[in-house]
């Protein structure tokens, strides 16, 4: 493999950065989807008091979305909506949404980004919180979509007797969605 000519990025040339971007794109094409599925597999095991682990929860979410006739992006979003839980439990929704953002429509990104708050409708009040905290988004065009996502593909996906599909059944969808041309440049400038 070729390497760049610089040690300090300030000394890089156009050719150096074209090489880097080409290498990153090739690596992403070969490894991103499988890496995300490995991240899901890492959620096997601890149940944290639930009746199933977060791995099965994710599979149930995606299975329900698929069986409900949702599009590929929504099925993949359902599969990955909690993928950041092991590394960012307090803001897993935001992290998962940012992983998905370049590959899914804006509505789906918004749903995943806000699902943690919307999911609170089912339990915040038991812990002294406001179950209606999601109402600050009541006028948002995708409020009902996020509410429906949580009702149909999140709060009800902790069933040890549900017949979820295996992860391998979702691999083609994950590869298809993450193999697309992204909606964002490799490096988005703020």
C-alpha atoms as a PDB file:
ATOM      1  CA  UNK A   1       0.000   0.000   0.000  1.00  0.00           C
ATOM      2  CA  UNK A   2       1.198   3.481  -0.812  1.00  0.00           C
ATOM      3  CA  UNK A   3       1.615   5.949   2.006  1.00  0.00           C
ATOM      4  CA  UNK A   4       1.468   9.711   2.226  1.00  0.00           C
ATOM      5  CA  UNK A   5       4.549  11.895   2.025  1.00  0.00           C
ATOM      6  CA  UNK A   6       3.931  13.832   5.236  1.00  0.00           C
ATOM      7  CA  UNK A   7       4.336  13.396   8.957  1.00  0.00           C
ATOM      8  CA  UNK A   8       2.433  16.565   9.885  1.00  0.00           C
ATOM      9  CA  UNK A   9      -0.899  17.013   8.132  1.00  0.00           C
ATOM     10  CA  UNK A  10      -0.081  20.633   7.360  1.00  0.00           C
ATOM     11  CA  UNK A  11       2.543  19.350   4.918  1.00  0.00           C
ATOM     12  CA  UNK A  12       0.135  17.135   2.973  1.00  0.00           C
ATOM     13  CA  UNK A  13      -0.517  17.497  -0.752  1.00  0.00           C
ATOM     14  CA  UNK A  14      -3.644  16.976  -2.831  1.00  0.00           C
ATOM     15  CA  UNK A  15      -2.263  13.573  -3.889  1.00  0.00           C
ATOM     16  CA  UNK A  16      -1.733  12.602  -0.252  1.00  0.00           C
ATOM     17  CA  UNK A  17      -5.315  13.392   0.677  1.00  0.00           C
ATOM     18  CA  UNK A  18      -6.722  11.734  -2.443  1.00  0.00           C
ATOM     19  CA  UNK A  19      -4.811   8.594  -1.420  1.00  0.00           C
ATOM     20  CA  UNK A  20      -6.193   8.745   2.123  1.00  0.00           C
ATOM     21  CA  UNK A  21      -9.770   9.278   0.975  1.00  0.00           C
ATOM     22  CA  UNK A  22      -9.501   6.414  -1.527  1.00  0.00           C
ATOM     23  CA  UNK A  23      -8.101   4.081   1.144  1.00  0.00           C
ATOM     24  CA  UNK A  24     -10.800   5.067   3.647  1.00  0.00           C
ATOM     25  CA  UNK A  25     -13.534   4.550   1.041  1.00  0.00           C
ATOM     26  CA  UNK A  26     -12.192   1.096   0.149  1.00  0.00           C
ATOM     27  CA  UNK A  27     -11.921   0.100   3.806  1.00  0.00           C
ATOM     28  CA  UNK A  28     -15.426   1.375   4.535  1.00  0.00           C
ATOM     29  CA  UNK A  29     -16.868  -0.539   1.585  1.00  0.00           C
ATOM     30  CA  UNK A  30     -15.261  -3.750   2.796  1.00  0.00           C
ATOM     31  CA  UNK A  31     -15.712  -3.457   6.576  1.00  0.00           C
ATOM     32  CA  UNK A  32     -18.349  -0.936   7.739  1.00  0.00           C
ATOM     33  CA  UNK A  33     -21.454  -3.130   7.544  1.00  0.00           C
ATOM     34  CA  UNK A  34     -19.705  -6.099   9.142  1.00  0.00           C
ATOM     35  CA  UNK A  35     -18.269  -3.852  11.849  1.00  0.00           C
ATOM     36  CA  UNK A  36     -21.738  -2.631  12.737  1.00  0.00           C
ATOM     37  CA  UNK A  37     -23.039  -6.183  12.905  1.00  0.00           C
ATOM     38  CA  UNK A  38     -20.085  -7.065  15.152  1.00  0.00           C
ATOM     39  CA  UNK A  39     -21.074  -4.135  17.373  1.00  0.00           C
ATOM     40  CA  UNK A  40     -24.551  -5.653  17.631  1.00  0.00           C
ATOM     41  CA  UNK A  41     -23.079  -9.047  18.486  1.00  0.00           C
ATOM     42  CA  UNK A  42     -21.137  -7.398  21.301  1.00  0.00           C
ATOM     43  CA  UNK A  43     -24.489  -6.643  22.946  1.00  0.00           C
ATOM     44  CA  UNK A  44     -25.075 -10.331  23.630  1.00  0.00           C
ATOM     45  CA  UNK A  45     -25.036 -11.305  27.254  1.00  0.00           C
ATOM     46  CA  UNK A  46     -25.936  -8.848  29.982  1.00  0.00           C
ATOM     47  CA  UNK A  47     -29.658  -8.283  30.329  1.00  0.00           C
ATOM     48  CA  UNK A  48     -29.496  -5.491  32.920  1.00  0.00           C
ATOM     49  CA  UNK A  49     -32.683  -6.887  34.414  1.00  0.00           C
ATOM     50  CA  UNK A  50     -34.614  -7.141  31.155  1.00  0.00           C
ATOM     51  CA  UNK A  51     -35.839 -10.585  30.152  1.00  0.00           C
ATOM     52  CA  UNK A  52     -33.568 -10.594  27.091  1.00  0.00           C
ATOM     53  CA  UNK A  53     -30.284  -8.932  26.140  1.00  0.00           C
ATOM     54  CA  UNK A  54     -29.958  -5.863  23.924  1.00  0.00           C
ATOM     55  CA  UNK A  55     -28.803  -8.017  21.006  1.00  0.00           C
ATOM     56  CA  UNK A  56     -32.123  -9.874  20.902  1.00  0.00           C
ATOM     57  CA  UNK A  57     -33.952  -6.588  21.537  1.00  0.00           C
ATOM     58  CA  UNK A  58     -32.338  -5.170  18.392  1.00  0.00           C
ATOM     59  CA  UNK A  59     -33.207  -8.268  16.359  1.00  0.00           C
ATOM     60  CA  UNK A  60     -36.815  -8.120  17.579  1.00  0.00           C
ATOM     61  CA  UNK A  61     -37.048  -4.468  16.639  1.00  0.00           C
ATOM     62  CA  UNK A  62     -35.775  -5.105  13.114  1.00  0.00           C
ATOM     63  CA  UNK A  63     -37.870  -8.240  12.707  1.00  0.00           C
ATOM     64  CA  UNK A  64     -41.040  -6.384  13.655  1.00  0.00           C
ATOM     65  CA  UNK A  65     -40.180  -3.548  11.241  1.00  0.00           C
ATOM     66  CA  UNK A  66     -39.496  -6.022   8.437  1.00  0.00           C
ATOM     67  CA  UNK A  67     -42.669  -8.015   9.087  1.00  0.00           C
ATOM     68  CA  UNK A  68     -44.609  -4.752   9.169  1.00  0.00           C
ATOM     69  CA  UNK A  69     -43.454  -3.954   5.630  1.00  0.00           C
ATOM     70  CA  UNK A  70     -41.114  -1.080   6.485  1.00  0.00           C
ATOM     71  CA  UNK A  71     -38.511  -0.008   3.928  1.00  0.00           C
ATOM     72  CA  UNK A  72     -34.886  -1.096   4.060  1.00  0.00           C
ATOM     73  CA  UNK A  73     -33.675   2.074   5.787  1.00  0.00           C
ATOM     74  CA  UNK A  74     -36.231   1.770   8.586  1.00  0.00           C
ATOM     75  CA  UNK A  75     -35.490  -1.928   9.102  1.00  0.00           C
ATOM     76  CA  UNK A  76     -31.767  -1.183   9.366  1.00  0.00           C
ATOM     77  CA  UNK A  77     -32.492   1.765  11.673  1.00  0.00           C
ATOM     78  CA  UNK A  78     -34.604  -0.488  13.884  1.00  0.00           C
ATOM     79  CA  UNK A  79     -31.753  -3.002  13.960  1.00  0.00           C
ATOM     80  CA  UNK A  80     -29.164  -0.361  14.892  1.00  0.00           C
ATOM     81  CA  UNK A  81     -31.188   2.073  17.018  1.00  0.00           C
ATOM     82  CA  UNK A  82     -29.407   0.955  20.213  1.00  0.00           C
ATOM     83  CA  UNK A  83     -26.032  -0.002  18.720  1.00  0.00           C
ATOM     84  CA  UNK A  84     -24.260   2.769  20.663  1.00  0.00           C
ATOM     85  CA  UNK A  85     -25.619   1.607  24.032  1.00  0.00           C
ATOM     86  CA  UNK A  86     -22.377  -0.152  25.085  1.00  0.00           C
ATOM     87  CA  UNK A  87     -20.192   2.908  24.445  1.00  0.00           C
ATOM     88  CA  UNK A  88     -22.589   5.828  25.033  1.00  0.00           C
ATOM     89  CA  UNK A  89     -25.447   4.698  27.291  1.00  0.00           C
ATOM     90  CA  UNK A  90     -26.588   8.199  28.230  1.00  0.00           C
ATOM     91  CA  UNK A  91     -26.663   9.504  24.660  1.00  0.00           C
ATOM     92  CA  UNK A  92     -26.896   6.314  22.639  1.00  0.00           C
ATOM     93  CA  UNK A  93     -29.754   7.698  20.542  1.00  0.00           C
ATOM     94  CA  UNK A  94     -27.650  10.608  19.293  1.00  0.00           C
ATOM     95  CA  UNK A  95     -24.629   8.409  18.572  1.00  0.00           C
ATOM     96  CA  UNK A  96     -26.676   5.764  16.719  1.00  0.00           C
ATOM     97  CA  UNK A  97     -28.410   8.507  14.736  1.00  0.00           C
ATOM     98  CA  UNK A  98     -25.073   9.977  13.662  1.00  0.00           C
ATOM     99  CA  UNK A  99     -23.867   6.553  12.512  1.00  0.00           C
ATOM    100  CA  UNK A 100     -26.976   6.243  10.353  1.00  0.00           C
ATOM    101  CA  UNK A 101     -27.164   9.860   9.163  1.00  0.00           C
ATOM    102  CA  UNK A 102     -25.135   9.588   5.937  1.00  0.00           C
ATOM    103  CA  UNK A 103     -27.132   6.547   4.804  1.00  0.00           C
ATOM    104  CA  UNK A 104     -30.781   7.146   5.702  1.00  0.00           C
ATOM    105  CA  UNK A 105     -33.385   9.756   4.969  1.00  0.00           C
ATOM    106  CA  UNK A 106     -33.646  12.723   7.324  1.00  0.00           C
ATOM    107  CA  UNK A 107     -36.904  11.473   8.867  1.00  0.00           C
ATOM    108  CA  UNK A 108     -35.336   8.182   9.944  1.00  0.00           C
ATOM    109  CA  UNK A 109     -32.277   9.968  11.320  1.00  0.00           C
ATOM    110  CA  UNK A 110     -34.608  12.210  13.376  1.00  0.00           C
ATOM    111  CA  UNK A 111     -36.569   9.225  14.698  1.00  0.00           C
ATOM    112  CA  UNK A 112     -33.442   7.388  15.863  1.00  0.00           C
ATOM    113  CA  UNK A 113     -31.974  10.620  17.268  1.00  0.00           C
ATOM    114  CA  UNK A 114     -35.046  11.186  19.455  1.00  0.00           C
ATOM    115  CA  UNK A 115     -36.185   7.639  20.237  1.00  0.00           C
ATOM    116  CA  UNK A 116     -34.555   7.652  23.691  1.00  0.00           C
ATOM    117  CA  UNK A 117     -36.606  10.627  24.836  1.00  0.00           C
ATOM    118  CA  UNK A 118     -39.774   9.282  23.216  1.00  0.00           C
ATOM    119  CA  UNK A 119     -39.193   5.860  24.768  1.00  0.00           C
ATOM    120  CA  UNK A 120     -39.282   7.627  28.132  1.00  0.00           C
ATOM    121  CA  UNK A 121     -43.048   7.892  27.727  1.00  0.00           C
ATOM    122  CA  UNK A 122     -43.194   4.280  28.907  1.00  0.00           C
ATOM    123  CA  UNK A 123     -41.114   4.635  32.065  1.00  0.00           C
ATOM    124  CA  UNK A 124     -39.996   8.161  33.048  1.00  0.00           C
ATOM    125  CA  UNK A 125     -42.983   8.601  35.384  1.00  0.00           C
ATOM    126  CA  UNK A 126     -41.991   5.478  37.338  1.00  0.00           C
ATOM    127  CA  UNK A 127     -38.686   7.140  38.190  1.00  0.00           C
ATOM    128  CA  UNK A 128     -40.048  10.560  39.101  1.00  0.00           C
ATOM    129  CA  UNK A 129     -39.636  12.022  35.617  1.00  0.00           C
ATOM    130  CA  UNK A 130     -42.049  13.470  33.097  1.00  0.00           C
ATOM    131  CA  UNK A 131     -43.390  10.784  30.792  1.00  0.00           C
ATOM    132  CA  UNK A 132     -44.560  13.563  28.479  1.00  0.00           C
ATOM    133  CA  UNK A 133     -41.097  15.100  28.075  1.00  0.00           C
ATOM    134  CA  UNK A 134     -41.376  14.214  24.388  1.00  0.00           C
ATOM    135  CA  UNK A 135     -44.164  16.777  24.079  1.00  0.00           C
ATOM    136  CA  UNK A 136     -41.590  19.513  23.540  1.00  0.00           C
ATOM    137  CA  UNK A 137     -41.494  18.085  19.999  1.00  0.00           C
ATOM    138  CA  UNK A 138     -45.299  17.796  19.711  1.00  0.00           C
ATOM    139  CA  UNK A 139     -45.424  20.194  16.735  1.00  0.00           C
ATOM    140  CA  UNK A 140     -42.562  18.525  14.874  1.00  0.00           C
ATOM    141  CA  UNK A 141     -43.559  16.912  11.591  1.00  0.00           C
ATOM    142  CA  UNK A 142     -42.085  13.546  12.670  1.00  0.00           C
ATOM    143  CA  UNK A 143     -43.440  13.462  16.229  1.00  0.00           C
ATOM    144  CA  UNK A 144     -46.035  10.826  15.343  1.00  0.00           C
ATOM    145  CA  UNK A 145     -43.470   8.790  13.404  1.00  0.00           C
ATOM    146  CA  UNK A 146     -41.111   8.669  16.385  1.00  0.00           C
ATOM    147  CA  UNK A 147     -43.991   7.817  18.736  1.00  0.00           C
ATOM    148  CA  UNK A 148     -45.012   4.993  16.410  1.00  0.00           C
ATOM    149  CA  UNK A 149     -41.413   3.728  16.159  1.00  0.00           C
ATOM    150  CA  UNK A 150     -41.194   3.462  19.946  1.00  0.00           C
ATOM    151  CA  UNK A 151     -44.623   1.853  20.236  1.00  0.00           C
ATOM    152  CA  UNK A 152     -44.121  -0.688  17.445  1.00  0.00           C
ATOM    153  CA  UNK A 153     -40.364  -1.323  17.339  1.00  0.00           C
ATOM    154  CA  UNK A 154     -38.896  -0.520  20.745  1.00  0.00           C
ATOM    155  CA  UNK A 155     -41.016  -0.725  23.912  1.00  0.00           C
ATOM    156  CA  UNK A 156     -42.497  -4.070  22.861  1.00  0.00           C
ATOM    157  CA  UNK A 157     -39.242  -5.768  21.862  1.00  0.00           C
ATOM    158  CA  UNK A 158     -38.235  -7.437  25.120  1.00  0.00           C
ATOM    159  CA  UNK A 159     -40.164 -10.686  24.644  1.00  0.00           C
ATOM    160  CA  UNK A 160     -38.205 -13.890  25.343  1.00  0.00           C
ATOM    161  CA  UNK A 161     -40.819 -15.855  23.372  1.00  0.00           C
ATOM    162  CA  UNK A 162     -40.819 -13.689  20.230  1.00  0.00           C
ATOM    163  CA  UNK A 163     -39.458 -15.398  17.117  1.00  0.00           C
ATOM    164  CA  UNK A 164     -36.986 -12.801  15.900  1.00  0.00           C
ATOM    165  CA  UNK A 165     -34.962 -13.429  12.768  1.00  0.00           C
ATOM    166  CA  UNK A 166     -31.229 -14.098  13.070  1.00  0.00           C
ATOM    167  CA  UNK A 167     -28.766 -11.300  12.375  1.00  0.00           C
ATOM    168  CA  UNK A 168     -27.578 -13.049   9.222  1.00  0.00           C
ATOM    169  CA  UNK A 169     -31.021 -12.473   7.675  1.00  0.00           C
ATOM    170  CA  UNK A 170     -30.434  -8.719   7.981  1.00  0.00           C
ATOM    171  CA  UNK A 171     -26.871  -8.760   6.615  1.00  0.00           C
ATOM    172  CA  UNK A 172     -27.917  -8.087   2.989  1.00  0.00           C
ATOM    173  CA  UNK A 173     -29.962  -5.040   4.066  1.00  0.00           C
ATOM    174  CA  UNK A 174     -27.148  -3.692   6.241  1.00  0.00           C
ATOM    175  CA  UNK A 175     -24.669  -4.149   3.389  1.00  0.00           C
ATOM    176  CA  UNK A 176     -27.063  -2.509   0.927  1.00  0.00           C
ATOM    177  CA  UNK A 177     -27.815   0.541   3.080  1.00  0.00           C
ATOM    178  CA  UNK A 178     -24.205   1.091   4.188  1.00  0.00           C
ATOM    179  CA  UNK A 179     -22.883   0.323   0.702  1.00  0.00           C
ATOM    180  CA  UNK A 180     -24.732   3.266  -0.838  1.00  0.00           C
ATOM    181  CA  UNK A 181     -23.307   6.559  -1.858  1.00  0.00           C
ATOM    182  CA  UNK A 182     -23.519   8.606   1.322  1.00  0.00           C
ATOM    183  CA  UNK A 183     -25.716  11.647   1.715  1.00  0.00           C
ATOM    184  CA  UNK A 184     -22.814  13.467   3.384  1.00  0.00           C
ATOM    185  CA  UNK A 185     -19.218  13.985   2.295  1.00  0.00           C
ATOM    186  CA  UNK A 186     -16.609  11.825   4.002  1.00  0.00           C
ATOM    187  CA  UNK A 187     -15.668  14.842   6.078  1.00  0.00           C
ATOM    188  CA  UNK A 188     -18.536  17.248   6.652  1.00  0.00           C
ATOM    189  CA  UNK A 189     -17.323  20.743   7.301  1.00  0.00           C
ATOM    190  CA  UNK A 190     -19.212  22.676   9.931  1.00  0.00           C
END
